[in-house]
Amino acid sequence: MMMTGVTGSPKTITDEDVTLDLSFMEDSKLVLYNDDHNSFDRVIMALIVYCQISSAKAAEIAMKVHNEGKAVAKYGSRDKLEPIAKIFGELDLTCEIEDP
């Protein structure tokens, strides 16, 4: 693959130049499930506030939950996800933590 740098000169990217961060695959997942009683706005607001994500990302997750029945709301260590899951439960949002 060829890329043009700032100066306009081409740069070749080799396999050695590409690294992927797959560490999230070792993290636990906070999975949010669809329900019949929470509005999109309520779910989106909870995702923004407690998962600390953008409104666009929160809307994307809410739509996936609605269409597919569930979606990963956040990746992280169980210790970091448990307080969020507890708050979601208090807000009557159905979720669970899945370990890798």
PDB file of N, CA and C in Angstrom:
ATOM      1  N   MET A   1       0.850  -1.164   0.000  1.00  0.00           N
ATOM      2  CA  MET A   1       0.000   0.000   0.000  1.00  0.00           C
ATOM      3  C   MET A   1       0.895   1.226   0.000  1.00  0.00           C
ATOM      4  N   MET A   2       0.517   2.212  -0.755  1.00  0.00           N
ATOM      5  CA  MET A   2       1.285   3.459  -0.829  1.00  0.00           C
ATOM      6  C   MET A   2       0.496   4.556  -0.133  1.00  0.00           C
ATOM      7  N   MET A   3       1.195   5.343   0.651  1.00  0.00           N
ATOM      8  CA  MET A   3       0.581   6.500   1.293  1.00  0.00           C
ATOM      9  C   MET A   3       1.419   7.717   0.967  1.00  0.00           C
ATOM     10  N   THR A   4       0.765   8.826   0.876  1.00  0.00           N
ATOM     11  CA  THR A   4       1.479  10.057   0.629  1.00  0.00           C
ATOM     12  C   THR A   4       1.661  10.786   1.950  1.00  0.00           C
ATOM     13  N   GLY A   5       2.886  11.163   2.264  1.00  0.00           N
ATOM     14  CA  GLY A   5       3.167  11.881   3.496  1.00  0.00           C
ATOM     15  C   GLY A   5       2.812  13.350   3.364  1.00  0.00           C
ATOM     16  N   VAL A   6       3.093  14.109   4.386  1.00  0.00           N
ATOM     17  CA  VAL A   6       2.793  15.534   4.408  1.00  0.00           C
ATOM     18  C   VAL A   6       3.510  16.260   3.278  1.00  0.00           C
ATOM     19  N   THR A   7       4.704  15.840   2.979  1.00  0.00           N
ATOM     20  CA  THR A   7       5.482  16.517   1.944  1.00  0.00           C
ATOM     21  C   THR A   7       5.091  16.065   0.546  1.00  0.00           C
ATOM     22  N   GLY A   8       4.205  15.080   0.449  1.00  0.00           N
ATOM     23  CA  GLY A   8       3.797  14.594  -0.845  1.00  0.00           C
ATOM     24  C   GLY A   8       4.623  13.418  -1.325  1.00  0.00           C
ATOM     25  N   SER A   9       5.672  13.051  -0.595  1.00  0.00           N
ATOM     26  CA  SER A   9       6.491  11.927  -1.017  1.00  0.00           C
ATOM     27  C   SER A   9       5.811  10.620  -0.599  1.00  0.00           C
ATOM     28  N   PRO A  10       5.833   9.603  -1.472  1.00  0.00           N
ATOM     29  CA  PRO A  10       5.172   8.339  -1.148  1.00  0.00           C
ATOM     30  C   PRO A  10       5.923   7.580  -0.060  1.00  0.00           C
ATOM     31  N   LYS A  11       5.187   6.828   0.738  1.00  0.00           N
ATOM     32  CA  LYS A  11       5.770   5.984   1.775  1.00  0.00           C
ATOM     33  C   LYS A  11       5.160   4.603   1.645  1.00  0.00           C
ATOM     34  N   THR A  12       5.970   3.606   1.594  1.00  0.00           N
ATOM     35  CA  THR A  12       5.496   2.236   1.510  1.00  0.00           C
ATOM     36  C   THR A  12       5.306   1.696   2.915  1.00  0.00           C
ATOM     37  N   ILE A  13       4.150   1.088   3.141  1.00  0.00           N
ATOM     38  CA  ILE A  13       3.867   0.481   4.439  1.00  0.00           C
ATOM     39  C   ILE A  13       3.987  -1.023   4.269  1.00  0.00           C
ATOM     40  N   THR A  14       4.777  -1.639   5.126  1.00  0.00           N
ATOM     41  CA  THR A  14       4.968  -3.083   5.087  1.00  0.00           C
ATOM     42  C   THR A  14       4.251  -3.715   6.267  1.00  0.00           C
ATOM     43  N   ASP A  15       4.161  -5.035   6.236  1.00  0.00           N
ATOM     44  CA  ASP A  15       3.519  -5.754   7.335  1.00  0.00           C
ATOM     45  C   ASP A  15       4.173  -5.444   8.676  1.00  0.00           C
ATOM     46  N   GLU A  16       5.466  -5.180   8.675  1.00  0.00           N
ATOM     47  CA  GLU A  16       6.173  -4.887   9.912  1.00  0.00           C
ATOM     48  C   GLU A  16       5.732  -3.544  10.507  1.00  0.00           C
ATOM     49  N   ASP A  17       5.202  -2.645   9.656  1.00  0.00           N
ATOM     50  CA  ASP A  17       4.773  -1.327  10.118  1.00  0.00           C
ATOM     51  C   ASP A  17       3.406  -1.362  10.789  1.00  0.00           C
ATOM     52  N   VAL A  18       2.638  -2.389  10.541  1.00  0.00           N
ATOM     53  CA  VAL A  18       1.263  -2.457  11.021  1.00  0.00           C
ATOM     54  C   VAL A  18       1.201  -3.277  12.299  1.00  0.00           C
ATOM     55  N   THR A  19       0.702  -2.657  13.359  1.00  0.00           N
ATOM     56  CA  THR A  19       0.473  -3.381  14.605  1.00  0.00           C
ATOM     57  C   THR A  19      -0.978  -3.156  15.010  1.00  0.00           C
ATOM     58  N   LEU A  20      -1.597  -4.191  15.461  1.00  0.00           N
ATOM     59  CA  LEU A  20      -2.981  -4.118  15.898  1.00  0.00           C
ATOM     60  C   LEU A  20      -3.034  -4.290  17.404  1.00  0.00           C
ATOM     61  N   ASP A  21      -3.820  -3.455  18.052  1.00  0.00           N
ATOM     62  CA  ASP A  21      -4.020  -3.583  19.489  1.00  0.00           C
ATOM     63  C   ASP A  21      -5.241  -4.464  19.713  1.00  0.00           C
ATOM     64  N   LEU A  22      -5.010  -5.693  20.066  1.00  0.00           N
ATOM     65  CA  LEU A  22      -6.092  -6.641  20.306  1.00  0.00           C
ATOM     66  C   LEU A  22      -6.291  -6.903  21.799  1.00  0.00           C
ATOM     67  N   SER A  23      -5.732  -6.035  22.632  1.00  0.00           N
ATOM     68  CA  SER A  23      -5.812  -6.241  24.074  1.00  0.00           C
ATOM     69  C   SER A  23      -7.253  -6.226  24.572  1.00  0.00           C
ATOM     70  N   PHE A  24      -8.152  -5.507  23.859  1.00  0.00           N
ATOM     71  CA  PHE A  24      -9.547  -5.467  24.286  1.00  0.00           C
ATOM     72  C   PHE A  24     -10.165  -6.870  24.274  1.00  0.00           C
ATOM     73  N   MET A  25      -9.604  -7.780  23.489  1.00  0.00           N
ATOM     74  CA  MET A  25     -10.140  -9.136  23.428  1.00  0.00           C
ATOM     75  C   MET A  25      -9.886  -9.892  24.725  1.00  0.00           C
ATOM     76  N   GLU A  26      -8.964  -9.403  25.526  1.00  0.00           N
ATOM     77  CA  GLU A  26      -8.674 -10.019  26.806  1.00  0.00           C
ATOM     78  C   GLU A  26      -9.497  -9.387  27.922  1.00  0.00           C
ATOM     79  N   ASP A  27     -10.235  -8.332  27.609  1.00  0.00           N
ATOM     80  CA  ASP A  27     -11.043  -7.628  28.597  1.00  0.00           C
ATOM     81  C   ASP A  27     -12.407  -8.295  28.759  1.00  0.00           C
ATOM     82  N   SER A  28     -13.019  -8.024  29.896  1.00  0.00           N
ATOM     83  CA  SER A  28     -14.411  -8.404  30.089  1.00  0.00           C
ATOM     84  C   SER A  28     -15.272  -7.443  29.273  1.00  0.00           C
ATOM     85  N   LYS A  29     -16.539  -7.819  29.062  1.00  0.00           N
ATOM     86  CA  LYS A  29     -17.463  -6.993  28.283  1.00  0.00           C
ATOM     87  C   LYS A  29     -18.701  -6.712  29.101  1.00  0.00           C
ATOM     88  N   LEU A  30     -19.142  -5.470  29.087  1.00  0.00           N
ATOM     89  CA  LEU A  30     -20.426  -5.111  29.658  1.00  0.00           C
ATOM     90  C   LEU A  30     -21.434  -5.172  28.516  1.00  0.00           C
ATOM     91  N   VAL A  31     -22.310  -6.161  28.581  1.00  0.00           N
ATOM     92  CA  VAL A  31     -23.283  -6.389  27.515  1.00  0.00           C
ATOM     93  C   VAL A  31     -24.626  -5.830  27.949  1.00  0.00           C
ATOM     94  N   LEU A  32     -25.192  -4.986  27.120  1.00  0.00           N
ATOM     95  CA  LEU A  32     -26.489  -4.367  27.381  1.00  0.00           C
ATOM     96  C   LEU A  32     -27.538  -5.070  26.537  1.00  0.00           C
ATOM     97  N   TYR A  33     -28.691  -5.384  27.143  1.00  0.00           N
ATOM     98  CA  TYR A  33     -29.762  -6.116  26.466  1.00  0.00           C
ATOM     99  C   TYR A  33     -30.961  -5.220  26.198  1.00  0.00           C
ATOM    100  N   ASN A  34     -31.686  -5.566  25.148  1.00  0.00           N
ATOM    101  CA  ASN A  34     -32.902  -4.847  24.789  1.00  0.00           C
ATOM    102  C   ASN A  34     -33.999  -5.114  25.823  1.00  0.00           C
ATOM    103  N   ASP A  35     -34.879  -4.155  26.008  1.00  0.00           N
ATOM    104  CA  ASP A  35     -36.048  -4.338  26.859  1.00  0.00           C
ATOM    105  C   ASP A  35     -37.208  -3.554  26.248  1.00  0.00           C
ATOM    106  N   ASP A  36     -38.367  -3.692  26.841  1.00  0.00           N
ATOM    107  CA  ASP A  36     -39.567  -3.044  26.304  1.00  0.00           C
ATOM    108  C   ASP A  36     -39.950  -1.769  27.043  1.00  0.00           C
ATOM    109  N   HIS A  37     -39.162  -1.350  28.006  1.00  0.00           N
ATOM    110  CA  HIS A  37     -39.605  -0.239  28.837  1.00  0.00           C
ATOM    111  C   HIS A  37     -38.664   0.967  28.890  1.00  0.00           C
ATOM    112  N   ASN A  38     -37.454   0.867  28.401  1.00  0.00           N
ATOM    113  CA  ASN A  38     -36.549   2.022  28.407  1.00  0.00           C
ATOM    114  C   ASN A  38     -36.534   2.685  27.034  1.00  0.00           C
ATOM    115  N   SER A  39     -36.574   4.001  27.038  1.00  0.00           N
ATOM    116  CA  SER A  39     -36.539   4.747  25.773  1.00  0.00           C
ATOM    117  C   SER A  39     -35.108   4.824  25.245  1.00  0.00           C
ATOM    118  N   PHE A  40     -35.000   5.117  23.952  1.00  0.00           N
ATOM    119  CA  PHE A  40     -33.678   5.307  23.363  1.00  0.00           C
ATOM    120  C   PHE A  40     -32.933   6.416  24.102  1.00  0.00           C
ATOM    121  N   ASP A  41     -33.612   7.512  24.382  1.00  0.00           N
ATOM    122  CA  ASP A  41     -32.961   8.650  25.033  1.00  0.00           C
ATOM    123  C   ASP A  41     -32.396   8.255  26.400  1.00  0.00           C
ATOM    124  N   ARG A  42     -33.140   7.471  27.148  1.00  0.00           N
ATOM    125  CA  ARG A  42     -32.683   7.050  28.476  1.00  0.00           C
ATOM    126  C   ARG A  42     -31.440   6.148  28.358  1.00  0.00           C
ATOM    127  N   VAL A  43     -31.480   5.214  27.419  1.00  0.00           N
ATOM    128  CA  VAL A  43     -30.344   4.307  27.216  1.00  0.00           C
ATOM    129  C   VAL A  43     -29.124   5.092  26.742  1.00  0.00           C
ATOM    130  N   ILE A  44     -29.327   5.973  25.779  1.00  0.00           N
ATOM    131  CA  ILE A  44     -28.216   6.772  25.248  1.00  0.00           C
ATOM    132  C   ILE A  44     -27.594   7.630  26.348  1.00  0.00           C
ATOM    133  N   MET A  45     -28.424   8.264  27.151  1.00  0.00           N
ATOM    134  CA  MET A  45     -27.906   9.112  28.234  1.00  0.00           C
ATOM    135  C   MET A  45     -27.105   8.290  29.236  1.00  0.00           C
ATOM    136  N   ALA A  46     -27.589   7.101  29.589  1.00  0.00           N
ATOM    137  CA  ALA A  46     -26.860   6.234  30.525  1.00  0.00           C
ATOM    138  C   ALA A  46     -25.506   5.829  29.937  1.00  0.00           C
ATOM    139  N   LEU A  47     -25.493   5.500  28.662  1.00  0.00           N
ATOM    140  CA  LEU A  47     -24.232   5.125  28.014  1.00  0.00           C
ATOM    141  C   LEU A  47     -23.247   6.283  28.003  1.00  0.00           C
ATOM    142  N   ILE A  48     -23.726   7.476  27.690  1.00  0.00           N
ATOM    143  CA  ILE A  48     -22.858   8.662  27.654  1.00  0.00           C
ATOM    144  C   ILE A  48     -22.265   8.921  29.040  1.00  0.00           C
ATOM    145  N   VAL A  49     -23.129   8.945  30.039  1.00  0.00           N
ATOM    146  CA  VAL A  49     -22.706   9.329  31.388  1.00  0.00           C
ATOM    147  C   VAL A  49     -21.838   8.262  32.044  1.00  0.00           C
ATOM    148  N   TYR A  50     -22.274   7.011  32.014  1.00  0.00           N
ATOM    149  CA  TYR A  50     -21.594   5.985  32.803  1.00  0.00           C
ATOM    150  C   TYR A  50     -20.523   5.220  32.037  1.00  0.00           C
ATOM    151  N   CYS A  51     -20.651   5.133  30.709  1.00  0.00           N
ATOM    152  CA  CYS A  51     -19.606   4.473  29.918  1.00  0.00           C
ATOM    153  C   CYS A  51     -18.632   5.493  29.347  1.00  0.00           C
ATOM    154  N   GLN A  52     -18.947   6.762  29.525  1.00  0.00           N
ATOM    155  CA  GLN A  52     -18.094   7.871  29.088  1.00  0.00           C
ATOM    156  C   GLN A  52     -17.733   7.754  27.610  1.00  0.00           C
ATOM    157  N   ILE A  53     -18.791   7.684  26.792  1.00  0.00           N
ATOM    158  CA  ILE A  53     -18.612   7.625  25.346  1.00  0.00           C
ATOM    159  C   ILE A  53     -19.358   8.781  24.697  1.00  0.00           C
ATOM    160  N   SER A  54     -19.090   9.011  23.439  1.00  0.00           N
ATOM    161  CA  SER A  54     -19.737  10.108  22.713  1.00  0.00           C
ATOM    162  C   SER A  54     -21.212   9.796  22.472  1.00  0.00           C
ATOM    163  N   SER A  55     -21.972  10.830  22.208  1.00  0.00           N
ATOM    164  CA  SER A  55     -23.393  10.633  21.918  1.00  0.00           C
ATOM    165  C   SER A  55     -23.584   9.812  20.648  1.00  0.00           C
ATOM    166  N   ALA A  56     -22.712   9.993  19.677  1.00  0.00           N
ATOM    167  CA  ALA A  56     -22.810   9.225  18.428  1.00  0.00           C
ATOM    168  C   ALA A  56     -22.568   7.737  18.691  1.00  0.00           C
ATOM    169  N   LYS A  57     -21.550   7.421  19.478  1.00  0.00           N
ATOM    170  CA  LYS A  57     -21.245   6.024  19.807  1.00  0.00           C
ATOM    171  C   LYS A  57     -22.374   5.429  20.650  1.00  0.00           C
ATOM    172  N   ALA A  58     -22.911   6.204  21.589  1.00  0.00           N
ATOM    173  CA  ALA A  58     -24.013   5.734  22.431  1.00  0.00           C
ATOM    174  C   ALA A  58     -25.243   5.432  21.583  1.00  0.00           C
ATOM    175  N   ALA A  59     -25.541   6.282  20.622  1.00  0.00           N
ATOM    176  CA  ALA A  59     -26.686   6.059  19.731  1.00  0.00           C
ATOM    177  C   ALA A  59     -26.470   4.807  18.886  1.00  0.00           C
ATOM    178  N   GLU A  60     -25.232   4.603  18.437  1.00  0.00           N
ATOM    179  CA  GLU A  60     -24.895   3.412  17.650  1.00  0.00           C
ATOM    180  C   GLU A  60     -25.122   2.141  18.477  1.00  0.00           C
ATOM    181  N   ILE A  61     -24.676   2.153  19.723  1.00  0.00           N
ATOM    182  CA  ILE A  61     -24.848   0.990  20.601  1.00  0.00           C
ATOM    183  C   ILE A  61     -26.335   0.764  20.889  1.00  0.00           C
ATOM    184  N   ALA A  62     -27.077   1.830  21.175  1.00  0.00           N
ATOM    185  CA  ALA A  62     -28.509   1.712  21.457  1.00  0.00           C
ATOM    186  C   ALA A  62     -29.251   1.117  20.263  1.00  0.00           C
ATOM    187  N   MET A  63     -28.893   1.532  19.059  1.00  0.00           N
ATOM    188  CA  MET A  63     -29.531   0.998  17.861  1.00  0.00           C
ATOM    189  C   MET A  63     -29.194  -0.475  17.679  1.00  0.00           C
ATOM    190  N   LYS A  64     -27.951  -0.843  17.966  1.00  0.00           N
ATOM    191  CA  LYS A  64     -27.554  -2.249  17.861  1.00  0.00           C
ATOM    192  C   LYS A  64     -28.317  -3.088  18.885  1.00  0.00           C
ATOM    193  N   VAL A  65     -28.460  -2.589  20.098  1.00  0.00           N
ATOM    194  CA  VAL A  65     -29.230  -3.293  21.125  1.00  0.00           C
ATOM    195  C   VAL A  65     -30.660  -3.493  20.637  1.00  0.00           C
ATOM    196  N   HIS A  66     -31.245  -2.453  20.083  1.00  0.00           N
ATOM    197  CA  HIS A  66     -32.627  -2.515  19.594  1.00  0.00           C
ATOM    198  C   HIS A  66     -32.768  -3.531  18.455  1.00  0.00           C
ATOM    199  N   ASN A  67     -31.851  -3.497  17.507  1.00  0.00           N
ATOM    200  CA  ASN A  67     -31.951  -4.355  16.314  1.00  0.00           C
ATOM    201  C   ASN A  67     -31.503  -5.795  16.539  1.00  0.00           C
ATOM    202  N   GLU A  68     -30.479  -5.977  17.382  1.00  0.00           N
ATOM    203  CA  GLU A  68     -29.900  -7.305  17.549  1.00  0.00           C
ATOM    204  C   GLU A  68     -30.196  -7.942  18.902  1.00  0.00           C
ATOM    205  N   GLY A  69     -30.807  -7.178  19.800  1.00  0.00           N
ATOM    206  CA  GLY A  69     -31.159  -7.721  21.107  1.00  0.00           C
ATOM    207  C   GLY A  69     -30.124  -7.504  22.189  1.00  0.00           C
ATOM    208  N   LYS A  70     -28.894  -7.213  21.768  1.00  0.00           N
ATOM    209  CA  LYS A  70     -27.833  -6.939  22.742  1.00  0.00           C
ATOM    210  C   LYS A  70     -26.657  -6.307  22.016  1.00  0.00           C
ATOM    211  N   ALA A  71     -25.780  -5.667  22.802  1.00  0.00           N
ATOM    212  CA  ALA A  71     -24.552  -5.084  22.257  1.00  0.00           C
ATOM    213  C   ALA A  71     -23.572  -4.859  23.395  1.00  0.00           C
ATOM    214  N   VAL A  72     -22.301  -4.849  23.048  1.00  0.00           N
ATOM    215  CA  VAL A  72     -21.268  -4.549  24.041  1.00  0.00           C
ATOM    216  C   VAL A  72     -21.268  -3.042  24.259  1.00  0.00           C
ATOM    217  N   ALA A  73     -21.484  -2.638  25.509  1.00  0.00           N
ATOM    218  CA  ALA A  73     -21.498  -1.221  25.856  1.00  0.00           C
ATOM    219  C   ALA A  73     -20.107  -0.726  26.207  1.00  0.00           C
ATOM    220  N   LYS A  74     -19.288  -1.615  26.795  1.00  0.00           N
ATOM    221  CA  LYS A  74     -17.951  -1.192  27.234  1.00  0.00           C
ATOM    222  C   LYS A  74     -17.090  -2.422  27.461  1.00  0.00           C
ATOM    223  N   TYR A  75     -15.810  -2.274  27.156  1.00  0.00           N
ATOM    224  CA  TYR A  75     -14.799  -3.284  27.455  1.00  0.00           C
ATOM    225  C   TYR A  75     -13.979  -2.776  28.637  1.00  0.00           C
ATOM    226  N   GLY A  76     -13.474  -3.691  29.440  1.00  0.00           N
ATOM    227  CA  GLY A  76     -12.606  -3.295  30.541  1.00  0.00           C
ATOM    228  C   GLY A  76     -12.439  -4.423  31.534  1.00  0.00           C
ATOM    229  N   SER A  77     -11.750  -4.123  32.600  1.00  0.00           N
ATOM    230  CA  SER A  77     -11.586  -5.129  33.652  1.00  0.00           C
ATOM    231  C   SER A  77     -12.910  -5.277  34.394  1.00  0.00           C
ATOM    232  N   ARG A  78     -13.117  -6.434  34.964  1.00  0.00           N
ATOM    233  CA  ARG A  78     -14.343  -6.680  35.727  1.00  0.00           C
ATOM    234  C   ARG A  78     -14.490  -5.633  36.834  1.00  0.00           C
ATOM    235  N   ASP A  79     -13.372  -5.274  37.478  1.00  0.00           N
ATOM    236  CA  ASP A  79     -13.415  -4.280  38.554  1.00  0.00           C
ATOM    237  C   ASP A  79     -13.963  -2.942  38.083  1.00  0.00           C
ATOM    238  N   LYS A  80     -13.650  -2.562  36.849  1.00  0.00           N
ATOM    239  CA  LYS A  80     -14.135  -1.284  36.323  1.00  0.00           C
ATOM    240  C   LYS A  80     -15.565  -1.374  35.791  1.00  0.00           C
ATOM    241  N   LEU A  81     -15.961  -2.562  35.352  1.00  0.00           N
ATOM    242  CA  LEU A  81     -17.302  -2.724  34.779  1.00  0.00           C
ATOM    243  C   LEU A  81     -18.372  -2.976  35.835  1.00  0.00           C
ATOM    244  N   GLU A  82     -18.012  -3.581  36.957  1.00  0.00           N
ATOM    245  CA  GLU A  82     -19.007  -3.905  37.981  1.00  0.00           C
ATOM    246  C   GLU A  82     -19.767  -2.684  38.513  1.00  0.00           C
ATOM    247  N   PRO A  83     -19.094  -1.557  38.806  1.00  0.00           N
ATOM    248  CA  PRO A  83     -19.857  -0.395  39.267  1.00  0.00           C
ATOM    249  C   PRO A  83     -20.839   0.130  38.198  1.00  0.00           C
ATOM    250  N   ILE A  84     -20.449   0.057  36.933  1.00  0.00           N
ATOM    251  CA  ILE A  84     -21.341   0.500  35.858  1.00  0.00           C
ATOM    252  C   ILE A  84     -22.534  -0.441  35.751  1.00  0.00           C
ATOM    253  N   ALA A  85     -22.274  -1.745  35.836  1.00  0.00           N
ATOM    254  CA  ALA A  85     -23.360  -2.723  35.780  1.00  0.00           C
ATOM    255  C   ALA A  85     -24.332  -2.526  36.942  1.00  0.00           C
ATOM    256  N   LYS A  86     -23.804  -2.194  38.108  1.00  0.00           N
ATOM    257  CA  LYS A  86     -24.663  -1.955  39.275  1.00  0.00           C
ATOM    258  C   LYS A  86     -25.564  -0.740  39.036  1.00  0.00           C
ATOM    259  N   ILE A  87     -24.991   0.329  38.518  1.00  0.00           N
ATOM    260  CA  ILE A  87     -25.776   1.531  38.227  1.00  0.00           C
ATOM    261  C   ILE A  87     -26.812   1.236  37.148  1.00  0.00           C
ATOM    262  N   PHE A  88     -26.410   0.518  36.095  1.00  0.00           N
ATOM    263  CA  PHE A  88     -27.368   0.159  35.050  1.00  0.00           C
ATOM    264  C   PHE A  88     -28.528  -0.629  35.645  1.00  0.00           C
ATOM    265  N   GLY A  89     -28.233  -1.542  36.557  1.00  0.00           N
ATOM    266  CA  GLY A  89     -29.285  -2.301  37.222  1.00  0.00           C
ATOM    267  C   GLY A  89     -30.223  -1.408  38.006  1.00  0.00           C
ATOM    268  N   GLU A  90     -29.654  -0.420  38.702  1.00  0.00           N
ATOM    269  CA  GLU A  90     -30.475   0.535  39.454  1.00  0.00           C
ATOM    270  C   GLU A  90     -31.337   1.382  38.526  1.00  0.00           C
ATOM    271  N   LEU A  91     -30.865   1.581  37.294  1.00  0.00           N
ATOM    272  CA  LEU A  91     -31.637   2.338  36.291  1.00  0.00           C
ATOM    273  C   LEU A  91     -32.602   1.434  35.527  1.00  0.00           C
ATOM    274  N   ASP A  92     -32.667   0.166  35.909  1.00  0.00           N
ATOM    275  CA  ASP A  92     -33.526  -0.832  35.277  1.00  0.00           C
ATOM    276  C   ASP A  92     -33.119  -1.128  33.836  1.00  0.00           C
ATOM    277  N   LEU A  93     -31.812  -1.027  33.579  1.00  0.00           N
ATOM    278  CA  LEU A  93     -31.252  -1.446  32.293  1.00  0.00           C
ATOM    279  C   LEU A  93     -30.701  -2.854  32.478  1.00  0.00           C
ATOM    280  N   THR A  94     -31.027  -3.754  31.585  1.00  0.00           N
ATOM    281  CA  THR A  94     -30.609  -5.136  31.702  1.00  0.00           C
ATOM    282  C   THR A  94     -29.227  -5.309  31.083  1.00  0.00           C
ATOM    283  N   CYS A  95     -28.297  -5.788  31.885  1.00  0.00           N
ATOM    284  CA  CYS A  95     -26.925  -5.977  31.396  1.00  0.00           C
ATOM    285  C   CYS A  95     -26.273  -7.106  32.155  1.00  0.00           C
ATOM    286  N   GLU A  96     -25.149  -7.553  31.649  1.00  0.00           N
ATOM    287  CA  GLU A  96     -24.330  -8.540  32.339  1.00  0.00           C
ATOM    288  C   GLU A  96     -22.889  -8.339  31.926  1.00  0.00           C
ATOM    289  N   ILE A  97     -21.985  -8.835  32.758  1.00  0.00           N
ATOM    290  CA  ILE A  97     -20.564  -8.787  32.445  1.00  0.00           C
ATOM    291  C   ILE A  97     -20.162 -10.176  31.963  1.00  0.00           C
ATOM    292  N   GLU A  98     -19.561 -10.204  30.785  1.00  0.00           N
ATOM    293  CA  GLU A  98     -19.043 -11.446  30.232  1.00  0.00           C
ATOM    294  C   GLU A  98     -17.533 -11.422  30.317  1.00  0.00           C
ATOM    295  N   ASP A  99     -16.964 -12.471  30.882  1.00  0.00           N
ATOM    296  CA  ASP A  99     -15.502 -12.569  30.976  1.00  0.00           C
ATOM    297  C   ASP A  99     -14.952 -13.270  29.747  1.00  0.00           C
ATOM    298  N   PRO A 100     -13.695 -12.943  29.398  1.00  0.00           N
ATOM    299  CA  PRO A 100     -13.106 -13.563  28.192  1.00  0.00           C
ATOM    300  C   PRO A 100     -12.954 -15.071  28.331  1.00  0.00           C
TER     301      PRO A 100
END
